[in-house]
Every structure is written in C-alpha cells, then in structure tokens.
Amino acid sequence: LTIRLRRKEEEYPKSEDILKKMNVKSNKHYARKGKKKGKDNASDFFIEKGDTEVAKSTPRERKKLDFRNKLYLSPLTTVGNLPYRRICKTYGADITCGEMAMATNLLQGKRSEWALLKRHPSEDFFGVQLAGAYPDSVARASELVSRELDVDFIDINMGCPIDLLCNKGAGAALLQRPNKIETLAKCVSPVIDIPLTLKMRKGYYDGKDIVHEFVPKVSSWNVRALTLHGRTREQRYTRTADWDYIEKVAGLAGDLPVIGNGDIFNFEEYNDHVRSGKVSTVMIGRAALIKPWIFSEIKEQRHIDISATERLDMMKVYCTNGLEHWGSDSRGVETTRRYLLEWLSFLHRYVPVGLLEVLPQSMGMRPPAYYGRSDLETLLASSNSSDWIKISEMLLGPTPATFSFVPKHKSYSYKVLSKDERADAGENG
C-alpha cells in the first residue's frame, strides 16, 4: 500500500466527487498517475512484526456505534502506542484510538505514519485520529483509511495545541475558522463508511469560547460524536478544565453525543461529571498515563492501592508487548526502552493510595520527594530520569554505551557520562 501511494497509483473517487460538488479547491499533488507496468507483489504492502491483519476488500454498512457510558482512552501522541493501549484494555478501557496521524503523511505513503494506525485484536472498539488543515487531503486520507483498514470510526483532531500543528493551520488552529470545520466535516463524512467524530477544545483564545456557537448544527454534518476538551488552545494544560462549559455545549448539542475531556483523575470526579446526564461519557488522557488502572477504579467505584510489585509487573507486560510489536532485536529493545522511559515520565507522578492522608490524589499534585513503603516504591516515585533508566535496565537489560534520553513531555534529560564526566559530576566510578 505505501509503495502504491508513493507511486500515486491510488484513486479517491468519493473524495473527488464530493470536493467537486462542494467546490473545494483540490491539491493535484495527490491525483492518481498512470499505473506503471509490472505486477504488484507482497512488498507493496507494509506489514511489519507486530502488525495485525488490517486489509479488507468488501464494502461495509456504516456502523451505528454507541459511545454512551463507555470509558474512552484518549489518543495520546508518542505514549499512546499499541503496547500501552493493550495495558489500558486489560484495566477496562472500552474505547481506544490510535495516535494522531497527519493526513498528508498518510497520502505520501510514509510508513512511520501508517504504523500509528495499527490495531491489536484486543481493541474491540477502535478508531484512528487524523489531523490536517485542508479538506481535500483529510477527505482523501479518510477515504483511504476507511477503505483499507479495519477501524470502527475516524476522529478528526481539532484540538491539538502544539505549535508545529497549529502553524500549519491544523489541530486547534481550525477553531479560528469555524466555517472550515464545517467544510472539512462535510467533505469527510460522505467518503467513509464508518462513523465520523470530532475532537476539539472550547476555543483558540482564552476568553473566546466558540464551540457553543456552532454545536447545534454539527449533527447535520453527519458527525456521530463530539469530544470537547474543557480548555482553550491558549491555555494548553494550564488551569483546570471547564466542565461547566462542557455541560453547556452538551445541552445545546441535541441528539449529538458529547464526550467530556479534561482533568478526570479518580472515580469521584467521573461521577460528578456524568451525574448530570448531559455528557454521554468521558475521555481520559493524562490520568491513564499516570495510573492506567483508573478504568478499573471507575468501574469498581473504589480507590485501588496497587503495590510497587504490581506496578513493576505491569511494566514487564508493557515490555513484552513492546518486544512483540517492535521486535526483539537490539533495535526493538531500544525502541521499547525509549517509549517505556517516556511513559515513566508520567508514571512516577502516581502517589500510592496507602500514603495519602487525604483522598483522592488530584491531577496537579506534585509531592516533594518521599520514601515509599519499600525501596521499589521509592524508586518508582523518583522524578530523576537516571532512576527511570535504572528501572528500564531491570526490565530490558543494560543501556548501550552511547544511550541518551530527553523526555518529550518533560524537562528531565539523561545521558550516559564518560568516566571523566562522572568524576566531574561527583559520581563514584
């Protein structure tokens, strides 16, 4: 498939038709060229170790999916990979979604981008999230995904706050142009035979919430659900999520399911936000990175005092999943290690229930360094990335001599020092 895309041998008949009907400018860069002579062979299909069978050849009826009261794991860039999602499924996540993929990269046949869309058999309610600034490229990518992959829904990202995406007019930048959101949704929905959902923030600029202005007509675009994060793009992850606004939007959405997102860290907060009955369910992101068993806590309506040994066992399962997915050779081991370390930049923030004087732990809690109930629990609570390296070595063996690590989501960094550097730093040889 990726080879055919690079040769521009793929066709997008549904997209071309709807783009023409809606008089949307189309980028000819993705137009099909004449097929070159020669037979297709197995190398035309990108299937690596850990991939699942995804190709399909028969048309399907559009599914009617019910999001109500199902716990939805947020699509998480970098850390929301397939091995991690498998962990969340074991703890009770009902809905999972692949990492955000750029529509243009998919159309260009970039293998690394297509790898983000892989689905594990345990993911029984699974979607993919696409991002893009232009209706024509997002429509074509959506048509291609719907045609080639076995997924249950396609979600369009309209809330990512990172500069790299917003500067291209994608992600949260779309909130500056509500008319473009409508055009994009109307171009995508007719070209796929699975439900379309949207994920967005409440606005782009602080103090200028806009979703309530257009949400009453979203269902007329044939969108099946809307996920709303209770912050603006300008706020990023500062301040608390505005659940009053989320409920306001849900009340204006009519029959459109609204999924609330932001700052849910325990079952009490979940109960508070779904009690009104306005939101259909919630999407959980950072809390699931810090304590993936939050899904079990919500379903069992209790705080789970998971031991340090159980947490280490969870990481062992993650490493097994990673080696199965990325390969067990040296490259696969180091890929697994890198993603484990990224995850540890969140995992260490968990404070064991048995150590808390007041329940529950809040999302913003940053306790000073503390001693756990065991040496292992103390190690797992360390915010020092060199300790994360030690944990990875317990699970995956020694790091290479040239190993270095800079977390994408945190300011901590680590690199292997030479003997002289260790002496200068005051470390014993």
Foldseek 3Di string as FASTA:
>chain_A
DLVCLQQLQDAQVLLVVLCVVVVFDADCVNHHDDDDDDDDDPVVDDDDQQFDDWFDADDDAADDDAPFPAEEADQDPLQLAPLLVVLLVVLRHQEYEFHEAELVCVSNSPPVRVNSHGDDPSRPAYEYEYKDQGLSSLQRSLLVCQNTGDHAEYEYACADLDPVRLVRRMHVNCLVPVVRVLVSLLSRVRSHNYAYEYEHEQGADPPDGDLLVPLCCPVVSRHQAYEYWQDHSVCPQPDFRDLVVQLVSLVNNPPHAYEYETFDQALVVQCVSCVVVSHRHYYYYLNCLQPSSRSNCNVVVHDDQDDLVNVLVSLLSSQVSQCSNQHDPPVSLVSSLQSQLLSLLRNLQDDGPVPDPDDDDGPPDDDDQDDDPDPSNSLSNDNASVSSQVSSCVRRNHDDQFDWHQHPVDRHIDTRDDPVVCVVVVHDD
